[in-house]
C-alpha atoms as a PDB file:
ATOM      1  CA  UNK A   1     -67.583  33.742  43.444  1.00  0.00           C
ATOM      2  CA  UNK A   2     -65.525  36.743  42.515  1.00  0.00           C
ATOM      3  CA  UNK A   3     -65.202  37.887  38.972  1.00  0.00           C
ATOM      4  CA  UNK A   4     -61.395  37.452  39.158  1.00  0.00           C
ATOM      5  CA  UNK A   5     -61.843  33.786  40.173  1.00  0.00           C
ATOM      6  CA  UNK A   6     -63.995  33.129  37.118  1.00  0.00           C
ATOM      7  CA  UNK A   7     -61.287  34.614  34.951  1.00  0.00           C
ATOM      8  CA  UNK A   8     -58.659  32.370  36.581  1.00  0.00           C
ATOM      9  CA  UNK A   9     -60.768  29.228  35.958  1.00  0.00           C
ATOM     10  CA  UNK A  10     -61.293  30.233  32.316  1.00  0.00           C
ATOM     11  CA  UNK A  11     -57.539  30.639  31.811  1.00  0.00           C
ATOM     12  CA  UNK A  12     -56.797  27.231  33.377  1.00  0.00           C
ATOM     13  CA  UNK A  13     -59.396  25.517  31.161  1.00  0.00           C
ATOM     14  CA  UNK A  14     -57.969  27.173  28.075  1.00  0.00           C
ATOM     15  CA  UNK A  15     -54.457  25.956  28.939  1.00  0.00           C
ATOM     16  CA  UNK A  16     -55.691  22.395  29.551  1.00  0.00           C
ATOM     17  CA  UNK A  17     -57.500  22.329  26.192  1.00  0.00           C
ATOM     18  CA  UNK A  18     -54.400  23.607  24.413  1.00  0.00           C
ATOM     19  CA  UNK A  19     -52.169  20.942  26.007  1.00  0.00           C
ATOM     20  CA  UNK A  20     -54.648  18.146  25.187  1.00  0.00           C
ATOM     21  CA  UNK A  21     -54.902  19.290  21.583  1.00  0.00           C
ATOM     22  CA  UNK A  22     -51.107  19.398  21.193  1.00  0.00           C
ATOM     23  CA  UNK A  23     -50.701  15.911  22.696  1.00  0.00           C
ATOM     24  CA  UNK A  24     -53.321  14.514  20.339  1.00  0.00           C
ATOM     25  CA  UNK A  25     -51.571  16.099  17.357  1.00  0.00           C
ATOM     26  CA  UNK A  26     -48.191  14.640  18.379  1.00  0.00           C
ATOM     27  CA  UNK A  27     -49.726  11.202  18.969  1.00  0.00           C
ATOM     28  CA  UNK A  28     -51.180  11.278  15.483  1.00  0.00           C
ATOM     29  CA  UNK A  29     -47.846  12.244  13.894  1.00  0.00           C
ATOM     30  CA  UNK A  30     -45.417   9.902  15.689  1.00  0.00           C
ATOM     31  CA  UNK A  31     -45.320   6.290  14.346  1.00  0.00           C
ATOM     32  CA  UNK A  32     -46.228   3.623  16.858  1.00  0.00           C
ATOM     33  CA  UNK A  33     -43.354   1.329  15.898  1.00  0.00           C
ATOM     34  CA  UNK A  34     -40.135   1.137  13.866  1.00  0.00           C
ATOM     35  CA  UNK A  35     -39.700  -0.240  10.381  1.00  0.00           C
ATOM     36  CA  UNK A  36     -37.008  -2.207   8.604  1.00  0.00           C
ATOM     37  CA  UNK A  37     -36.208  -5.566   7.124  1.00  0.00           C
ATOM     38  CA  UNK A  38     -35.482  -8.564   9.299  1.00  0.00           C
ATOM     39  CA  UNK A  39     -32.941 -11.301   8.862  1.00  0.00           C
ATOM     40  CA  UNK A  40     -29.362 -12.194   9.702  1.00  0.00           C
ATOM     41  CA  UNK A  41     -26.657  -9.892   8.378  1.00  0.00           C
ATOM     42  CA  UNK A  42     -25.079 -12.529   6.140  1.00  0.00           C
ATOM     43  CA  UNK A  43     -28.379 -13.414   4.467  1.00  0.00           C
ATOM     44  CA  UNK A  44     -28.682 -10.416   2.249  1.00  0.00           C
ATOM     45  CA  UNK A  45     -27.746  -6.834   1.543  1.00  0.00           C
ATOM     46  CA  UNK A  46     -30.660  -4.426   1.046  1.00  0.00           C
ATOM     47  CA  UNK A  47     -30.279  -1.077  -0.633  1.00  0.00           C
ATOM     48  CA  UNK A  48     -32.575   1.328  -2.468  1.00  0.00           C
ATOM     49  CA  UNK A  49     -31.307   4.051  -4.780  1.00  0.00           C
ATOM     50  CA  UNK A  50     -32.903   6.769  -6.874  1.00  0.00           C
ATOM     51  CA  UNK A  51     -31.021   5.988 -10.062  1.00  0.00           C
ATOM     52  CA  UNK A  52     -27.805   5.061 -11.783  1.00  0.00           C
ATOM     53  CA  UNK A  53     -24.481   6.192 -10.364  1.00  0.00           C
ATOM     54  CA  UNK A  54     -25.011   5.155  -6.744  1.00  0.00           C
ATOM     55  CA  UNK A  55     -22.598   2.548  -5.489  1.00  0.00           C
ATOM     56  CA  UNK A  56     -23.963  -0.549  -3.828  1.00  0.00           C
ATOM     57  CA  UNK A  57     -22.458  -3.673  -2.362  1.00  0.00           C
ATOM     58  CA  UNK A  58     -21.697  -5.471   0.846  1.00  0.00           C
ATOM     59  CA  UNK A  59     -20.454  -3.238   3.681  1.00  0.00           C
ATOM     60  CA  UNK A  60     -21.191  -0.150   1.587  1.00  0.00           C
ATOM     61  CA  UNK A  61     -23.845   2.493   2.067  1.00  0.00           C
ATOM     62  CA  UNK A  62     -25.602   3.924  -0.979  1.00  0.00           C
ATOM     63  CA  UNK A  63     -24.845   7.579  -1.719  1.00  0.00           C
ATOM     64  CA  UNK A  64     -27.504   9.989  -0.553  1.00  0.00           C
ATOM     65  CA  UNK A  65     -29.661  11.008  -3.525  1.00  0.00           C
ATOM     66  CA  UNK A  66     -30.232  14.664  -4.292  1.00  0.00           C
ATOM     67  CA  UNK A  67     -33.829  14.342  -3.134  1.00  0.00           C
ATOM     68  CA  UNK A  68     -32.580  13.676   0.400  1.00  0.00           C
ATOM     69  CA  UNK A  69     -32.512   9.967   1.208  1.00  0.00           C
ATOM     70  CA  UNK A  70     -32.886   8.846   4.788  1.00  0.00           C
ATOM     71  CA  UNK A  71     -30.511   6.038   5.766  1.00  0.00           C
ATOM     72  CA  UNK A  72     -31.132   3.603   8.606  1.00  0.00           C
ATOM     73  CA  UNK A  73     -29.970   0.159   9.686  1.00  0.00           C
ATOM     74  CA  UNK A  74     -32.199  -2.650  10.827  1.00  0.00           C
ATOM     75  CA  UNK A  75     -31.579  -4.843  13.833  1.00  0.00           C
ATOM     76  CA  UNK A  76     -29.456  -7.278  11.841  1.00  0.00           C
ATOM     77  CA  UNK A  77     -27.141  -4.599  10.489  1.00  0.00           C
ATOM     78  CA  UNK A  78     -28.470  -4.626   6.931  1.00  0.00           C
ATOM     79  CA  UNK A  79     -28.056  -1.267   5.247  1.00  0.00           C
ATOM     80  CA  UNK A  80     -31.291   0.292   4.037  1.00  0.00           C
ATOM     81  CA  UNK A  81     -31.274   3.503   2.007  1.00  0.00           C
ATOM     82  CA  UNK A  82     -34.758   4.795   1.245  1.00  0.00           C
ATOM     83  CA  UNK A  83     -34.739   6.848  -1.916  1.00  0.00           C
ATOM     84  CA  UNK A  84     -36.609  10.061  -2.587  1.00  0.00           C
ATOM     85  CA  UNK A  85     -39.807  10.247  -4.589  1.00  0.00           C
ATOM     86  CA  UNK A  86     -43.425  11.112  -3.991  1.00  0.00           C
ATOM     87  CA  UNK A  87     -43.904  11.526  -0.264  1.00  0.00           C
ATOM     88  CA  UNK A  88     -46.671   9.962   1.789  1.00  0.00           C
ATOM     89  CA  UNK A  89     -49.582  12.321   2.060  1.00  0.00           C
ATOM     90  CA  UNK A  90     -48.814  14.097  -1.220  1.00  0.00           C
ATOM     91  CA  UNK A  91     -51.119  14.214  -4.219  1.00  0.00           C
ATOM     92  CA  UNK A  92     -48.976  11.573  -5.973  1.00  0.00           C
ATOM     93  CA  UNK A  93     -48.481   7.969  -4.901  1.00  0.00           C
ATOM     94  CA  UNK A  94     -44.920   6.942  -3.932  1.00  0.00           C
ATOM     95  CA  UNK A  95     -42.847   5.539  -6.809  1.00  0.00           C
ATOM     96  CA  UNK A  96     -42.701   1.756  -6.605  1.00  0.00           C
ATOM     97  CA  UNK A  97     -39.099   0.562  -6.259  1.00  0.00           C
ATOM     98  CA  UNK A  98     -37.691  -1.910  -8.788  1.00  0.00           C
ATOM     99  CA  UNK A  99     -36.639  -4.935  -6.715  1.00  0.00           C
ATOM    100  CA  UNK A 100     -33.659  -7.108  -7.666  1.00  0.00           C
ATOM    101  CA  UNK A 101     -32.837 -10.442  -6.006  1.00  0.00           C
ATOM    102  CA  UNK A 102     -29.484 -12.171  -6.572  1.00  0.00           C
ATOM    103  CA  UNK A 103     -28.894 -15.873  -5.895  1.00  0.00           C
ATOM    104  CA  UNK A 104     -25.727 -17.844  -6.419  1.00  0.00           C
ATOM    105  CA  UNK A 105     -22.091 -18.435  -5.606  1.00  0.00           C
ATOM    106  CA  UNK A 106     -18.957 -16.328  -5.119  1.00  0.00           C
ATOM    107  CA  UNK A 107     -19.210 -14.945  -8.652  1.00  0.00           C
ATOM    108  CA  UNK A 108     -22.643 -13.522  -7.862  1.00  0.00           C
ATOM    109  CA  UNK A 109     -21.442 -12.369  -4.449  1.00  0.00           C
ATOM    110  CA  UNK A 110     -18.542 -10.377  -5.888  1.00  0.00           C
ATOM    111  CA  UNK A 111     -15.739 -12.308  -4.184  1.00  0.00           C
ATOM    112  CA  UNK A 112     -12.420 -10.527  -3.836  1.00  0.00           C
ATOM    113  CA  UNK A 113      -9.259 -12.480  -3.079  1.00  0.00           C
ATOM    114  CA  UNK A 114      -7.554  -9.284  -1.956  1.00  0.00           C
ATOM    115  CA  UNK A 115      -9.119  -7.989   1.254  1.00  0.00           C
ATOM    116  CA  UNK A 116      -7.927  -4.471   0.416  1.00  0.00           C
ATOM    117  CA  UNK A 117      -9.865  -4.463  -2.862  1.00  0.00           C
ATOM    118  CA  UNK A 118     -13.653  -4.411  -2.922  1.00  0.00           C
ATOM    119  CA  UNK A 119     -15.340  -6.008  -5.913  1.00  0.00           C
ATOM    120  CA  UNK A 120     -18.837  -4.786  -6.765  1.00  0.00           C
ATOM    121  CA  UNK A 121     -20.855  -7.717  -8.062  1.00  0.00           C
ATOM    122  CA  UNK A 122     -22.614  -7.785 -11.409  1.00  0.00           C
ATOM    123  CA  UNK A 123     -26.060  -7.870  -9.783  1.00  0.00           C
ATOM    124  CA  UNK A 124     -25.492  -4.523  -8.098  1.00  0.00           C
ATOM    125  CA  UNK A 125     -24.088  -2.986 -11.285  1.00  0.00           C
ATOM    126  CA  UNK A 126     -26.992  -4.316 -13.357  1.00  0.00           C
ATOM    127  CA  UNK A 127     -29.592  -3.100 -10.839  1.00  0.00           C
ATOM    128  CA  UNK A 128     -28.148   0.413 -11.016  1.00  0.00           C
ATOM    129  CA  UNK A 129     -28.113   0.403 -14.809  1.00  0.00           C
ATOM    130  CA  UNK A 130     -31.643  -0.949 -15.244  1.00  0.00           C
ATOM    131  CA  UNK A 131     -33.175   1.407 -12.675  1.00  0.00           C
ATOM    132  CA  UNK A 132     -31.185   4.349 -13.991  1.00  0.00           C
ATOM    133  CA  UNK A 133     -32.360   3.825 -17.566  1.00  0.00           C
ATOM    134  CA  UNK A 134     -35.947   3.422 -16.365  1.00  0.00           C
ATOM    135  CA  UNK A 135     -35.688   6.459 -14.077  1.00  0.00           C
ATOM    136  CA  UNK A 136     -37.070   4.645 -11.041  1.00  0.00           C
ATOM    137  CA  UNK A 137     -35.652   3.783  -7.594  1.00  0.00           C
ATOM    138  CA  UNK A 138     -34.547   0.241  -6.862  1.00  0.00           C
ATOM    139  CA  UNK A 139     -34.093  -2.145  -3.972  1.00  0.00           C
ATOM    140  CA  UNK A 140     -31.451  -4.845  -4.076  1.00  0.00           C
ATOM    141  CA  UNK A 141     -30.844  -8.016  -2.068  1.00  0.00           C
ATOM    142  CA  UNK A 142     -27.938 -10.393  -2.605  1.00  0.00           C
ATOM    143  CA  UNK A 143     -28.099 -13.855  -1.034  1.00  0.00           C
ATOM    144  CA  UNK A 144     -25.093 -15.280  -2.887  1.00  0.00           C
ATOM    145  CA  UNK A 145     -22.604 -17.270  -0.825  1.00  0.00           C
ATOM    146  CA  UNK A 146     -18.982 -18.197  -1.423  1.00  0.00           C
ATOM    147  CA  UNK A 147     -18.539 -21.862  -2.309  1.00  0.00           C
ATOM    148  CA  UNK A 148     -22.240 -22.508  -2.860  1.00  0.00           C
ATOM    149  CA  UNK A 149     -23.160 -25.392  -5.134  1.00  0.00           C
ATOM    150  CA  UNK A 150     -26.570 -26.482  -6.415  1.00  0.00           C
ATOM    151  CA  UNK A 151     -27.364 -28.787  -3.495  1.00  0.00           C
ATOM    152  CA  UNK A 152     -26.411 -26.043  -1.050  1.00  0.00           C
ATOM    153  CA  UNK A 153     -28.771 -23.674  -2.826  1.00  0.00           C
ATOM    154  CA  UNK A 154     -31.690 -26.073  -2.376  1.00  0.00           C
ATOM    155  CA  UNK A 155     -30.865 -27.157   1.159  1.00  0.00           C
ATOM    156  CA  UNK A 156     -29.545 -23.963   2.792  1.00  0.00           C
ATOM    157  CA  UNK A 157     -30.563 -20.842   0.858  1.00  0.00           C
ATOM    158  CA  UNK A 158     -33.998 -21.311  -0.678  1.00  0.00           C
ATOM    159  CA  UNK A 159     -35.650 -22.607   2.530  1.00  0.00           C
ATOM    160  CA  UNK A 160     -34.915 -19.312   4.299  1.00  0.00           C
ATOM    161  CA  UNK A 161     -38.016 -17.169   4.778  1.00  0.00           C
ATOM    162  CA  UNK A 162     -36.151 -13.943   4.002  1.00  0.00           C
ATOM    163  CA  UNK A 163     -34.965 -15.368   0.692  1.00  0.00           C
ATOM    164  CA  UNK A 164     -38.450 -16.553  -0.215  1.00  0.00           C
ATOM    165  CA  UNK A 165     -39.943 -13.150   0.594  1.00  0.00           C
ATOM    166  CA  UNK A 166     -37.314 -11.438  -1.548  1.00  0.00           C
ATOM    167  CA  UNK A 167     -38.003 -13.732  -4.494  1.00  0.00           C
ATOM    168  CA  UNK A 168     -41.749 -13.149  -4.117  1.00  0.00           C
ATOM    169  CA  UNK A 169     -41.300  -9.375  -4.373  1.00  0.00           C
ATOM    170  CA  UNK A 170     -38.599  -9.365  -7.056  1.00  0.00           C
ATOM    171  CA  UNK A 171     -39.063  -7.795 -10.475  1.00  0.00           C
ATOM    172  CA  UNK A 172     -35.908  -9.484 -11.755  1.00  0.00           C
ATOM    173  CA  UNK A 173     -33.956 -12.429 -10.334  1.00  0.00           C
ATOM    174  CA  UNK A 174     -30.310 -13.076 -11.232  1.00  0.00           C
ATOM    175  CA  UNK A 175     -28.921 -16.596 -10.692  1.00  0.00           C
ATOM    176  CA  UNK A 176     -25.319 -17.789 -11.044  1.00  0.00           C
ATOM    177  CA  UNK A 177     -24.634 -21.402 -10.103  1.00  0.00           C
ATOM    178  CA  UNK A 178     -22.777 -24.505 -11.246  1.00  0.00           C
ATOM    179  CA  UNK A 179     -19.052 -23.708 -11.076  1.00  0.00           C
ATOM    180  CA  UNK A 180     -18.715 -25.092  -7.557  1.00  0.00           C
ATOM    181  CA  UNK A 181     -20.453 -28.326  -8.549  1.00  0.00           C
ATOM    182  CA  UNK A 182     -17.592 -28.878 -10.989  1.00  0.00           C
ATOM    183  CA  UNK A 183     -14.832 -27.556  -8.699  1.00  0.00           C
ATOM    184  CA  UNK A 184     -16.044 -29.660  -5.768  1.00  0.00           C
ATOM    185  CA  UNK A 185     -15.951 -32.726  -7.976  1.00  0.00           C
ATOM    186  CA  UNK A 186     -12.380 -31.864  -8.997  1.00  0.00           C
ATOM    187  CA  UNK A 187     -11.381 -31.609  -5.326  1.00  0.00           C
ATOM    188  CA  UNK A 188     -13.128 -34.890  -4.487  1.00  0.00           C
ATOM    189  CA  UNK A 189     -11.418 -36.709  -7.337  1.00  0.00           C
ATOM    190  CA  UNK A 190      -7.980 -35.415  -6.323  1.00  0.00           C
ATOM    191  CA  UNK A 191      -8.587 -36.525  -2.740  1.00  0.00           C
ATOM    192  CA  UNK A 192      -9.648 -39.955  -3.927  1.00  0.00           C
ATOM    193  CA  UNK A 193      -6.788 -40.468  -6.397  1.00  0.00           C
ATOM    194  CA  UNK A 194      -4.142 -39.247  -3.948  1.00  0.00           C
ATOM    195  CA  UNK A 195      -5.796 -41.125  -1.085  1.00  0.00           C
ATOM    196  CA  UNK A 196      -5.667 -38.093   1.225  1.00  0.00           C
ATOM    197  CA  UNK A 197      -7.987 -36.649   3.850  1.00  0.00           C
ATOM    198  CA  UNK A 198      -6.777 -33.125   3.135  1.00  0.00           C
ATOM    199  CA  UNK A 199      -9.677 -30.684   2.936  1.00  0.00           C
ATOM    200  CA  UNK A 200      -8.731 -28.432   0.038  1.00  0.00           C
ATOM    201  CA  UNK A 201     -10.021 -24.881   0.432  1.00  0.00           C
ATOM    202  CA  UNK A 202     -10.187 -24.414  -3.313  1.00  0.00           C
ATOM    203  CA  UNK A 203      -9.708 -26.227  -6.593  1.00  0.00           C
ATOM    204  CA  UNK A 204      -6.488 -24.243  -7.012  1.00  0.00           C
ATOM    205  CA  UNK A 205      -5.086 -25.808  -3.819  1.00  0.00           C
ATOM    206  CA  UNK A 206      -6.126 -29.265  -4.972  1.00  0.00           C
ATOM    207  CA  UNK A 207      -4.516 -28.823  -8.374  1.00  0.00           C
ATOM    208  CA  UNK A 208      -1.290 -27.536  -6.788  1.00  0.00           C
ATOM    209  CA  UNK A 209      -1.037 -30.722  -4.730  1.00  0.00           C
ATOM    210  CA  UNK A 210      -1.946 -32.767  -7.803  1.00  0.00           C
ATOM    211  CA  UNK A 211       0.806 -31.093  -9.813  1.00  0.00           C
ATOM    212  CA  UNK A 212       3.428 -32.121  -7.286  1.00  0.00           C
ATOM    213  CA  UNK A 213       2.103 -35.685  -7.210  1.00  0.00           C
ATOM    214  CA  UNK A 214       2.066 -35.951 -11.004  1.00  0.00           C
ATOM    215  CA  UNK A 215       5.755 -35.006 -11.121  1.00  0.00           C
ATOM    216  CA  UNK A 216       6.477 -38.171  -9.177  1.00  0.00           C
ATOM    217  CA  UNK A 217       3.902 -40.310 -10.968  1.00  0.00           C
ATOM    218  CA  UNK A 218       2.785 -38.959 -14.390  1.00  0.00           C
ATOM    219  CA  UNK A 219       0.176 -41.707 -14.740  1.00  0.00           C
ATOM    220  CA  UNK A 220      -1.908 -40.115 -11.997  1.00  0.00           C
ATOM    221  CA  UNK A 221      -3.197 -37.564 -14.470  1.00  0.00           C
ATOM    222  CA  UNK A 222      -4.794 -40.379 -16.481  1.00  0.00           C
ATOM    223  CA  UNK A 223      -6.677 -41.526 -13.395  1.00  0.00           C
ATOM    224  CA  UNK A 224      -7.901 -37.974 -12.775  1.00  0.00           C
ATOM    225  CA  UNK A 225      -9.091 -37.618 -16.359  1.00  0.00           C
ATOM    226  CA  UNK A 226     -10.880 -40.967 -16.240  1.00  0.00           C
ATOM    227  CA  UNK A 227     -12.574 -40.118 -12.938  1.00  0.00           C
ATOM    228  CA  UNK A 228     -13.776 -36.749 -14.181  1.00  0.00           C
ATOM    229  CA  UNK A 229     -15.009 -38.255 -17.431  1.00  0.00           C
ATOM    230  CA  UNK A 230     -17.208 -40.641 -15.438  1.00  0.00           C
ATOM    231  CA  UNK A 231     -18.645 -37.966 -13.137  1.00  0.00           C
ATOM    232  CA  UNK A 232     -22.385 -38.324 -12.871  1.00  0.00           C
ATOM    233  CA  UNK A 233     -23.102 -34.657 -13.531  1.00  0.00           C
ATOM    234  CA  UNK A 234     -26.731 -35.545 -14.231  1.00  0.00           C
ATOM    235  CA  UNK A 235     -27.139 -34.886 -10.508  1.00  0.00           C
ATOM    236  CA  UNK A 236     -26.482 -31.228 -11.314  1.00  0.00           C
ATOM    237  CA  UNK A 237     -29.466 -31.224 -13.658  1.00  0.00           C
ATOM    238  CA  UNK A 238     -31.671 -32.656 -10.904  1.00  0.00           C
ATOM    239  CA  UNK A 239     -30.571 -29.989  -8.449  1.00  0.00           C
ATOM    240  CA  UNK A 240     -30.950 -27.275 -11.084  1.00  0.00           C
ATOM    241  CA  UNK A 241     -34.542 -28.208 -11.889  1.00  0.00           C
ATOM    242  CA  UNK A 242     -35.367 -28.503  -8.168  1.00  0.00           C
ATOM    243  CA  UNK A 243     -34.030 -24.965  -7.673  1.00  0.00           C
ATOM    244  CA  UNK A 244     -36.035 -23.598 -10.577  1.00  0.00           C
ATOM    245  CA  UNK A 245     -39.196 -25.342  -9.367  1.00  0.00           C
ATOM    246  CA  UNK A 246     -38.845 -23.498  -6.051  1.00  0.00           C
ATOM    247  CA  UNK A 247     -37.983 -20.119  -7.562  1.00  0.00           C
ATOM    248  CA  UNK A 248     -40.830 -20.252 -10.081  1.00  0.00           C
ATOM    249  CA  UNK A 249     -43.324 -21.270  -7.396  1.00  0.00           C
ATOM    250  CA  UNK A 250     -42.396 -18.180  -5.350  1.00  0.00           C
ATOM    251  CA  UNK A 251     -41.888 -15.443  -7.934  1.00  0.00           C
ATOM    252  CA  UNK A 252     -44.427 -12.953  -9.219  1.00  0.00           C
ATOM    253  CA  UNK A 253     -46.055 -13.862 -12.518  1.00  0.00           C
ATOM    254  CA  UNK A 254     -44.384 -11.020 -14.397  1.00  0.00           C
ATOM    255  CA  UNK A 255     -40.985 -11.322 -12.693  1.00  0.00           C
ATOM    256  CA  UNK A 256     -38.063 -11.948 -15.033  1.00  0.00           C
ATOM    257  CA  UNK A 257     -35.360 -14.544 -14.346  1.00  0.00           C
ATOM    258  CA  UNK A 258     -31.902 -14.261 -15.879  1.00  0.00           C
ATOM    259  CA  UNK A 259     -29.361 -17.014 -15.261  1.00  0.00           C
ATOM    260  CA  UNK A 260     -25.707 -17.034 -16.252  1.00  0.00           C
ATOM    261  CA  UNK A 261     -24.197 -20.158 -17.705  1.00  0.00           C
ATOM    262  CA  UNK A 262     -20.768 -21.437 -16.695  1.00  0.00           C
ATOM    263  CA  UNK A 263     -17.503 -20.072 -18.048  1.00  0.00           C
ATOM    264  CA  UNK A 264     -14.360 -22.203 -17.735  1.00  0.00           C
ATOM    265  CA  UNK A 265     -13.260 -21.618 -14.107  1.00  0.00           C
ATOM    266  CA  UNK A 266      -9.952 -23.423 -14.625  1.00  0.00           C
ATOM    267  CA  UNK A 267      -8.965 -21.913 -17.964  1.00  0.00           C
ATOM    268  CA  UNK A 268      -5.918 -20.167 -16.466  1.00  0.00           C
ATOM    269  CA  UNK A 269      -4.807 -22.946 -14.086  1.00  0.00           C
ATOM    270  CA  UNK A 270      -2.451 -24.545 -16.640  1.00  0.00           C
ATOM    271  CA  UNK A 271      -4.029 -27.980 -16.665  1.00  0.00           C
ATOM    272  CA  UNK A 272      -2.724 -30.676 -18.987  1.00  0.00           C
ATOM    273  CA  UNK A 273      -4.391 -30.203 -22.359  1.00  0.00           C
ATOM    274  CA  UNK A 274      -6.304 -33.495 -22.169  1.00  0.00           C
ATOM    275  CA  UNK A 275      -7.651 -32.713 -18.700  1.00  0.00           C
ATOM    276  CA  UNK A 276      -8.587 -29.192 -19.768  1.00  0.00           C
ATOM    277  CA  UNK A 277     -10.564 -30.660 -22.677  1.00  0.00           C
ATOM    278  CA  UNK A 278     -12.427 -32.976 -20.292  1.00  0.00           C
ATOM    279  CA  UNK A 279     -13.334 -29.995 -18.086  1.00  0.00           C
ATOM    280  CA  UNK A 280     -14.551 -28.017 -21.081  1.00  0.00           C
ATOM    281  CA  UNK A 281     -16.677 -30.956 -22.218  1.00  0.00           C
ATOM    282  CA  UNK A 282     -18.265 -31.228 -18.773  1.00  0.00           C
ATOM    283  CA  UNK A 283     -18.985 -27.483 -18.733  1.00  0.00           C
ATOM    284  CA  UNK A 284     -20.508 -27.786 -22.186  1.00  0.00           C
ATOM    285  CA  UNK A 285     -22.857 -30.518 -20.966  1.00  0.00           C
ATOM    286  CA  UNK A 286     -23.806 -28.549 -17.842  1.00  0.00           C
ATOM    287  CA  UNK A 287     -24.527 -25.487 -19.953  1.00  0.00           C
ATOM    288  CA  UNK A 288     -26.666 -27.634 -22.250  1.00  0.00           C
ATOM    289  CA  UNK A 289     -28.788 -28.569 -19.234  1.00  0.00           C
ATOM    290  CA  UNK A 290     -29.216 -24.888 -18.428  1.00  0.00           C
ATOM    291  CA  UNK A 291     -30.170 -24.056 -22.024  1.00  0.00           C
ATOM    292  CA  UNK A 292     -32.521 -27.022 -22.361  1.00  0.00           C
ATOM    293  CA  UNK A 293     -34.669 -25.920 -19.400  1.00  0.00           C
ATOM    294  CA  UNK A 294     -34.852 -22.217 -20.319  1.00  0.00           C
ATOM    295  CA  UNK A 295     -38.178 -22.470 -22.148  1.00  0.00           C
ATOM    296  CA  UNK A 296     -39.689 -24.734 -19.495  1.00  0.00           C
ATOM    297  CA  UNK A 297     -39.032 -22.252 -16.676  1.00  0.00           C
ATOM    298  CA  UNK A 298     -39.168 -19.076 -18.729  1.00  0.00           C
ATOM    299  CA  UNK A 299     -35.711 -17.748 -17.932  1.00  0.00           C
ATOM    300  CA  UNK A 300     -33.145 -16.104 -20.195  1.00  0.00           C
ATOM    301  CA  UNK A 301     -29.560 -17.357 -20.343  1.00  0.00           C
ATOM    302  CA  UNK A 302     -26.701 -14.863 -20.205  1.00  0.00           C
ATOM    303  CA  UNK A 303     -23.857 -16.558 -22.084  1.00  0.00           C
ATOM    304  CA  UNK A 304     -20.574 -16.313 -20.165  1.00  0.00           C
ATOM    305  CA  UNK A 305     -18.909 -19.356 -21.715  1.00  0.00           C
ATOM    306  CA  UNK A 306     -18.346 -17.649 -25.071  1.00  0.00           C
ATOM    307  CA  UNK A 307     -17.453 -14.304 -23.466  1.00  0.00           C
ATOM    308  CA  UNK A 308     -14.124 -12.824 -22.356  1.00  0.00           C
ATOM    309  CA  UNK A 309     -14.756 -13.378 -18.632  1.00  0.00           C
ATOM    310  CA  UNK A 310     -11.937 -15.936 -18.302  1.00  0.00           C
ATOM    311  CA  UNK A 311      -9.490 -13.259 -19.465  1.00  0.00           C
ATOM    312  CA  UNK A 312     -10.537 -10.853 -16.703  1.00  0.00           C
ATOM    313  CA  UNK A 313     -10.072 -12.792 -13.496  1.00  0.00           C
ATOM    314  CA  UNK A 314      -8.242 -12.153 -10.240  1.00  0.00           C
ATOM    315  CA  UNK A 315      -4.859 -13.609  -9.309  1.00  0.00           C
ATOM    316  CA  UNK A 316      -6.536 -16.885  -8.266  1.00  0.00           C
ATOM    317  CA  UNK A 317      -7.370 -17.451 -11.933  1.00  0.00           C
ATOM    318  CA  UNK A 318     -10.998 -18.194 -11.065  1.00  0.00           C
ATOM    319  CA  UNK A 319     -13.009 -15.196  -9.915  1.00  0.00           C
ATOM    320  CA  UNK A 320     -13.820 -12.182 -12.080  1.00  0.00           C
ATOM    321  CA  UNK A 321     -12.024  -8.946 -11.310  1.00  0.00           C
ATOM    322  CA  UNK A 322     -13.982  -5.686 -11.351  1.00  0.00           C
ATOM    323  CA  UNK A 323     -13.802  -5.451 -15.129  1.00  0.00           C
ATOM    324  CA  UNK A 324     -14.994  -9.054 -15.367  1.00  0.00           C
ATOM    325  CA  UNK A 325     -17.965  -8.267 -13.128  1.00  0.00           C
ATOM    326  CA  UNK A 326     -18.804  -5.300 -15.359  1.00  0.00           C
ATOM    327  CA  UNK A 327     -18.717  -7.591 -18.402  1.00  0.00           C
ATOM    328  CA  UNK A 328     -21.206  -9.933 -16.721  1.00  0.00           C
ATOM    329  CA  UNK A 329     -23.424  -6.971 -15.792  1.00  0.00           C
ATOM    330  CA  UNK A 330     -23.444  -5.804 -19.414  1.00  0.00           C
ATOM    331  CA  UNK A 331     -24.365  -9.293 -20.640  1.00  0.00           C
ATOM    332  CA  UNK A 332     -27.272  -9.735 -18.199  1.00  0.00           C
ATOM    333  CA  UNK A 333     -28.533  -6.214 -18.943  1.00  0.00           C
ATOM    334  CA  UNK A 334     -28.627  -7.073 -22.639  1.00  0.00           C
ATOM    335  CA  UNK A 335     -30.713 -10.132 -21.773  1.00  0.00           C
ATOM    336  CA  UNK A 336     -33.025  -7.996 -19.649  1.00  0.00           C
ATOM    337  CA  UNK A 337     -33.590  -5.610 -22.557  1.00  0.00           C
ATOM    338  CA  UNK A 338     -34.397  -8.566 -24.819  1.00  0.00           C
ATOM    339  CA  UNK A 339     -36.947  -9.894 -22.317  1.00  0.00           C
ATOM    340  CA  UNK A 340     -38.495  -6.434 -21.911  1.00  0.00           C
ATOM    341  CA  UNK A 341     -39.061  -6.175 -25.649  1.00  0.00           C
ATOM    342  CA  UNK A 342     -40.882  -9.479 -25.916  1.00  0.00           C
END
């Protein structure tokens, strides 16, 4: 064989070895599959941020941190912002994110009656503040649902695998529940007294209809008061303890639970004074249930009843406005600091 032929074969072999080496390098660097959190879009909002000052909330993407966050979306449309920190392969291990799970009703969800105004919920605000003060990134999932009552929590929310996984990984769990148990009872009583099949969308709608009926028959208000006074709200306690049994069976041993008690959701609805007193008494009893079980389940109670939340509500007179949400965030953060010092 000619000398030139040997040279040609040597060149070809060298090229083949170079290509094979490059392919092996690429195969070792490219992940074999994608990553992300699963679940339906309305089951939770997931965000991670490097510290305080980043906005979070439903339908909002966290600001990109200075370290260069990479934002993606999973198959369900949940927003995921992965914060900066120690990178994989570096001498330092990645910083463990502080995980916050929020459970509850429209107050915890950050309901806004005006579709042009976005309300950031207290859980998001508190997560930012806690992680910012600690100087660590955080992840945040909110499974709150408008209109949710205690039975709905136990039957529809807690059985979901995504919710259970979030609770199991949470460092702090915020829970707001109970107002809809009372409001649903108010709607049921109005339906019963007025003998109507009308499905009231809110307690405000029910009370508006009741107001018109009372103008024609003032004695109806006495029936309403009597019915509410005889409400078997012990069922709320049963649902509350069932919820806490589930949450405590799922959570990490060192996870902290902070629950908010119930402020008067009808304080600004101009109820007759006697009826308003009955509502306040019921709320007082429900809050006593919450307080009585705090030691048993190891949660802290953020007191909203004796706060100014009722003075900072939206035009519906029920839901906190943005300032009201900030007040709740400040109250739960104070409770978190107290727990951290114990």
